[in-house]
């Protein structure tokens, strides 16, 4: 379990207190925008995301979890929902085989290695690096590992996140993406690229599956591979598949699945 959705109006300080108590990568808070709204009939809601330490501007999989609760638990009557967030309006569309999120697409620009070399070496030591990009919109550093590595290498790579807070103190980098070119399908399913994501600056050592990281990864790998439709896998211990389609309007559709595994009521 990664995210929870709370369908209440809360005092401002309670958002962070609850997220800290839940101690998940992100906790999502859905709220009504107007007094007469209700969670079954309305199609537009407010949405915020909190790690145990901070509010974050975008979280794809907490948005997916929020839409899943509204669609499948609350039985919202609409097939498309709109969430008003710090990253603008995000849409979630219900389909037979999952939920499609309409997210912004963020470019990653070439980054001079010497400016981030200490950060990279602290995280992954002498692991060979093929490319380094930076996304100023999301403050994420994208590090592409050498094509000589494979998925099993990325999955087993020990990443030192404990010391990153001491190495990067400028505020420029708030998330580290490690990514690797995919492999042709054989006995296993083919993916266009693999990734892992780390955000100790937000109190998240490693995130299981990260929609916001894929708003950057989608832009990068589409350019590298010359493809608009991509199939990705995030190689955390839990892991997760993402189906990606870049749109002509400069946004990206990311499809995933969600399962409701626990529900309850918090009491004061």
Protein backbone atom coordinates (compact mmCIF):
# COMPACT_ATOMS: atom_id res chain seq x y z
CA UNK A 1 0.00 0.00 0.00
CA UNK A 2 1.37 3.37 -1.00
CA UNK A 3 -1.31 6.03 -0.86
CA UNK A 4 -4.51 6.80 1.00
CA UNK A 5 -7.33 9.11 -0.02
CA UNK A 6 -9.19 11.10 2.65
CA UNK A 7 -12.55 12.52 1.65
CA UNK A 8 -12.85 15.30 4.19
CA UNK A 9 -12.31 18.99 4.77
CA UNK A 10 -9.53 19.26 7.32
CA UNK A 11 -7.82 21.95 9.34
CA UNK A 12 -4.66 22.98 7.49
CA UNK A 13 -2.14 21.53 9.94
CA UNK A 14 -3.89 18.14 10.05
CA UNK A 15 -2.88 17.26 6.49
CA UNK A 16 0.80 17.02 7.38
CA UNK A 17 0.13 15.39 10.75
CA UNK A 18 -1.95 12.62 9.18
CA UNK A 19 0.60 12.07 6.39
CA UNK A 20 3.35 11.75 8.97
CA UNK A 21 1.29 9.25 10.97
CA UNK A 22 0.45 7.19 7.86
CA UNK A 23 4.16 7.21 6.92
CA UNK A 24 3.56 6.30 3.27
CA UNK A 25 5.36 7.75 0.27
CA UNK A 26 2.40 10.06 -0.34
CA UNK A 27 -0.98 10.56 1.26
CA UNK A 28 -3.68 12.13 -0.91
CA UNK A 29 -6.44 14.40 0.36
CA UNK A 30 -9.55 14.86 -1.79
CA UNK A 31 -11.87 17.74 -1.00
CA UNK A 32 -15.14 19.17 -2.31
CA UNK A 33 -14.77 22.47 -4.12
CA UNK A 34 -18.32 23.72 -3.44
CA UNK A 35 -20.74 23.18 -0.54
CA UNK A 36 -23.28 21.39 -2.71
CA UNK A 37 -20.76 18.96 -4.24
CA UNK A 38 -20.87 15.29 -3.36
CA UNK A 39 -18.40 12.52 -4.06
CA UNK A 40 -20.85 10.41 -6.06
CA UNK A 41 -22.37 12.98 -8.42
CA UNK A 42 -19.72 15.69 -8.82
CA UNK A 43 -16.93 15.43 -11.39
CA UNK A 44 -14.40 17.99 -10.12
CA UNK A 45 -12.54 17.93 -6.81
CA UNK A 46 -9.58 19.50 -5.07
CA UNK A 47 -6.56 17.24 -4.51
CA UNK A 48 -3.38 17.65 -2.46
CA UNK A 49 -0.48 15.29 -1.75
CA UNK A 50 1.78 15.03 1.29
CA UNK A 51 4.85 12.94 2.08
CA UNK A 52 5.62 12.34 5.77
CA UNK A 53 7.64 15.59 5.66
CA UNK A 54 6.25 17.95 3.01
CA UNK A 55 3.47 18.83 0.63
CA UNK A 56 4.48 17.99 -2.96
CA UNK A 57 3.34 19.67 -6.19
CA UNK A 58 2.54 16.47 -8.11
CA UNK A 59 2.05 12.78 -7.39
CA UNK A 60 0.73 10.58 -10.16
CA UNK A 61 0.07 7.39 -8.27
CA UNK A 62 -1.64 9.12 -5.38
CA UNK A 63 -3.87 10.68 -8.04
CA UNK A 64 -4.49 7.22 -9.45
CA UNK A 65 -5.38 5.97 -5.97
CA UNK A 66 -7.75 8.90 -5.44
CA UNK A 67 -9.53 8.26 -8.73
CA UNK A 68 -9.75 4.54 -7.95
CA UNK A 69 -11.47 5.25 -4.62
CA UNK A 70 -13.97 7.59 -6.27
CA UNK A 71 -14.66 5.27 -9.22
CA UNK A 72 -14.70 1.89 -7.50
CA UNK A 73 -15.51 2.50 -3.83
CA UNK A 74 -17.64 5.66 -3.88
CA UNK A 75 -19.18 4.65 -7.26
CA UNK A 76 -18.85 8.08 -8.83
CA UNK A 77 -21.17 8.23 -11.84
CA UNK A 78 -18.71 9.95 -14.20
CA UNK A 79 -16.15 8.22 -16.42
CA UNK A 80 -13.77 11.20 -16.25
CA UNK A 81 -12.85 13.16 -13.12
CA UNK A 82 -10.99 16.47 -12.86
CA UNK A 83 -8.68 17.29 -9.95
CA UNK A 84 -7.65 20.86 -9.17
CA UNK A 85 -4.06 20.72 -7.89
CA UNK A 86 -0.83 22.65 -7.44
CA UNK A 87 0.13 21.39 -10.93
CA UNK A 88 -3.07 22.64 -12.53
CA UNK A 89 -6.07 20.57 -13.57
CA UNK A 90 -5.42 16.83 -13.88
CA UNK A 91 -7.92 14.41 -15.38
CA UNK A 92 -8.45 10.73 -14.60
CA UNK A 93 -10.36 8.60 -17.10
CA UNK A 94 -11.84 5.20 -16.26
CA UNK A 95 -11.23 2.42 -18.78
CA UNK A 96 -11.93 -1.31 -18.66
CA UNK A 97 -8.31 -2.26 -18.01
CA UNK A 98 -7.23 0.60 -15.77
CA UNK A 99 -7.27 4.33 -15.11
CA UNK A 100 -5.65 6.85 -17.45
CA UNK A 101 -4.15 10.00 -15.96
CA UNK A 102 -3.80 13.17 -18.04
CA UNK A 103 -0.57 14.72 -16.73
CA UNK A 104 1.78 17.53 -17.76
CA UNK A 105 4.87 16.58 -19.76
CA UNK A 106 8.14 18.09 -18.55
CA UNK A 107 11.33 18.35 -20.63
CA UNK A 108 14.70 17.35 -19.21
CA UNK A 109 17.63 19.48 -20.35
CA UNK A 110 21.30 18.43 -20.64
CA UNK A 111 23.06 18.83 -17.31
CA UNK A 112 26.79 19.47 -16.85
CA UNK A 113 28.18 16.44 -15.07
CA UNK A 114 30.68 18.31 -12.91
CA UNK A 115 27.85 20.26 -11.25
CA UNK A 116 26.15 17.10 -9.97
CA UNK A 117 29.03 14.63 -9.92
CA UNK A 118 29.25 14.51 -6.12
CA UNK A 119 25.55 13.77 -5.85
CA UNK A 120 25.72 10.98 -8.41
CA UNK A 121 28.84 9.40 -6.92
CA UNK A 122 27.32 9.54 -3.45
CA UNK A 123 24.20 7.77 -4.71
CA UNK A 124 25.63 5.10 -7.02
CA UNK A 125 29.42 5.14 -6.63
CA UNK A 126 31.37 4.23 -9.77
CA UNK A 127 28.36 2.95 -11.72
CA UNK A 128 28.76 3.93 -15.38
CA UNK A 129 26.59 6.85 -16.47
CA UNK A 130 25.55 7.45 -20.09
CA UNK A 131 23.56 10.68 -19.83
CA UNK A 132 22.51 13.27 -17.24
CA UNK A 133 19.49 15.57 -17.61
CA UNK A 134 17.74 18.04 -15.32
CA UNK A 135 14.09 19.05 -15.18
CA UNK A 136 13.77 22.58 -13.73
CA UNK A 137 9.98 22.30 -13.62
CA UNK A 138 10.07 19.33 -11.26
CA UNK A 139 13.57 19.72 -9.75
CA UNK A 140 14.31 16.13 -10.72
CA UNK A 141 17.74 14.92 -11.83
CA UNK A 142 17.58 12.17 -14.46
CA UNK A 143 20.60 9.86 -14.59
CA UNK A 144 20.69 7.35 -17.42
CA UNK A 145 22.91 4.39 -16.66
CA UNK A 146 25.12 2.82 -19.30
CA UNK A 147 23.38 0.66 -21.92
CA UNK A 148 25.80 -2.11 -20.94
CA UNK A 149 23.67 -2.70 -17.82
CA UNK A 150 20.42 -4.67 -17.73
CA UNK A 151 17.25 -4.69 -15.64
CA UNK A 152 18.62 -7.06 -13.03
CA UNK A 153 21.57 -4.72 -12.45
CA UNK A 154 19.26 -1.76 -11.83
CA UNK A 155 17.03 -3.80 -9.53
CA UNK A 156 19.94 -4.99 -7.39
CA UNK A 157 21.85 -1.68 -7.37
CA UNK A 158 22.43 -0.36 -3.86
CA UNK A 159 21.65 3.35 -3.80
CA UNK A 160 22.94 5.46 -0.92
CA UNK A 161 20.17 7.95 -0.18
CA UNK A 162 21.15 8.66 3.44
CA UNK A 163 23.97 11.05 2.55
CA UNK A 164 22.26 12.87 -0.33
CA UNK A 165 20.80 15.50 1.99
CA UNK A 166 24.31 16.53 3.04
CA UNK A 167 25.62 16.58 -0.56
CA UNK A 168 22.74 18.49 -2.20
CA UNK A 169 21.69 21.42 -0.02
CA UNK A 170 21.01 24.08 -2.66
CA UNK A 171 17.39 23.11 -3.28
CA UNK A 172 18.04 22.58 -6.98
CA UNK A 173 17.47 18.83 -6.83
CA UNK A 174 14.47 17.36 -5.01
CA UNK A 175 14.33 13.96 -6.71
CA UNK A 176 16.78 11.50 -8.30
CA UNK A 177 15.69 9.34 -11.24
CA UNK A 178 17.85 6.40 -12.30
CA UNK A 179 16.86 5.04 -15.67
CA UNK A 180 17.97 2.41 -18.14
CA UNK A 181 17.11 1.56 -21.71
CA UNK A 182 14.76 -1.39 -22.06
CA UNK A 183 15.52 -4.78 -23.51
CA UNK A 184 13.90 -6.70 -26.39
CA UNK A 185 11.16 -9.12 -25.40
CA UNK A 186 12.12 -12.76 -25.09
CA UNK A 187 11.00 -14.97 -22.29
CA UNK A 188 10.09 -11.85 -20.35
CA UNK A 189 7.84 -8.93 -21.28
CA UNK A 190 9.48 -6.15 -23.29
CA UNK A 191 9.72 -2.64 -21.84
CA UNK A 192 11.02 0.52 -23.50
CA UNK A 193 12.77 1.69 -20.34
CA UNK A 194 13.25 0.97 -16.65
CA UNK A 195 13.61 3.34 -13.72
CA UNK A 196 13.93 3.81 -9.97
CA UNK A 197 13.13 6.99 -8.06
CA UNK A 198 14.52 8.48 -4.84
CA UNK A 199 13.38 11.59 -2.96
CA UNK A 200 15.04 11.78 0.48
CA UNK A 201 14.60 15.57 0.35
CA UNK A 202 10.88 14.86 0.84
CA UNK A 203 11.43 12.07 3.35
CA UNK A 204 11.01 9.29 0.76
CA UNK A 205 14.10 7.07 0.45
CA UNK A 206 12.67 5.20 -2.56
CA UNK A 207 9.21 5.51 -4.08
CA UNK A 208 7.61 2.26 -5.33
CA UNK A 209 6.01 3.67 -8.50
CA UNK A 210 6.15 7.34 -9.43
CA UNK A 211 3.85 9.04 -11.90
CA UNK A 212 5.54 12.42 -11.48
CA UNK A 213 8.94 10.95 -12.42
CA UNK A 214 7.37 9.57 -15.58
CA UNK A 215 6.25 13.03 -16.65
CA UNK A 216 10.00 13.62 -17.12
CA UNK A 217 10.98 10.10 -18.22
CA UNK A 218 8.27 10.06 -20.90
CA UNK A 219 9.66 13.21 -22.49
CA UNK A 220 13.24 11.91 -22.40
CA UNK A 221 12.66 8.39 -23.71
CA UNK A 222 10.22 9.51 -26.38
CA UNK A 223 12.99 11.71 -27.76
CA UNK A 224 15.64 9.01 -27.41
CA UNK A 225 13.59 6.21 -28.95
CA UNK A 226 11.54 8.20 -31.45
CA UNK A 227 8.28 6.81 -30.05
CA UNK A 228 5.07 8.35 -28.71
CA UNK A 229 3.73 5.16 -27.10
CA UNK A 230 5.92 3.65 -24.41
CA UNK A 231 5.79 0.75 -21.99
CA UNK A 232 7.73 1.30 -18.76
CA UNK A 233 8.59 -0.59 -15.60
CA UNK A 234 9.70 0.94 -12.29
CA UNK A 235 12.13 -1.46 -10.62
CA UNK A 236 11.43 -0.89 -6.92
CA UNK A 237 10.95 -3.87 -4.62
CA UNK A 238 7.22 -3.69 -5.29
CA UNK A 239 7.54 -2.66 -8.92
CA UNK A 240 4.94 -1.36 -11.32
CA UNK A 241 4.10 -1.17 -15.02
CA UNK A 242 3.07 2.02 -16.79
CA UNK A 243 1.53 2.43 -20.23
CA UNK A 244 2.43 5.84 -21.67
CA UNK A 245 1.10 7.86 -24.61
CA UNK A 246 2.46 11.30 -25.49
CA UNK A 247 -0.24 13.58 -26.85
CA UNK A 248 -0.16 16.24 -29.54
CA UNK A 249 -1.15 18.93 -27.00
CA UNK A 250 2.09 18.55 -25.06
CA UNK A 251 0.69 16.42 -22.26
CA UNK A 252 1.00 12.72 -21.48
CA UNK A 253 -1.49 9.94 -20.72
CA UNK A 254 -0.23 7.39 -18.21
CA UNK A 255 -2.29 4.29 -17.53
CA UNK A 256 -2.05 2.14 -14.43
CA UNK A 257 -4.07 -0.04 -12.12
CA UNK A 258 -5.01 0.25 -8.45
CA UNK A 259 -6.33 -2.08 -5.77
CA UNK A 260 -8.14 -1.10 -2.58
CA UNK A 261 -6.45 -3.14 0.15
CA UNK A 262 -7.49 -1.38 3.35
CA UNK A 263 -10.12 1.08 4.51
CA UNK A 264 -11.03 2.59 7.82
CA UNK A 265 -12.07 5.67 9.74
CA UNK A 266 -9.78 8.00 11.69
CA UNK A 267 -11.14 9.30 14.96
CA UNK A 268 -9.90 12.24 17.00
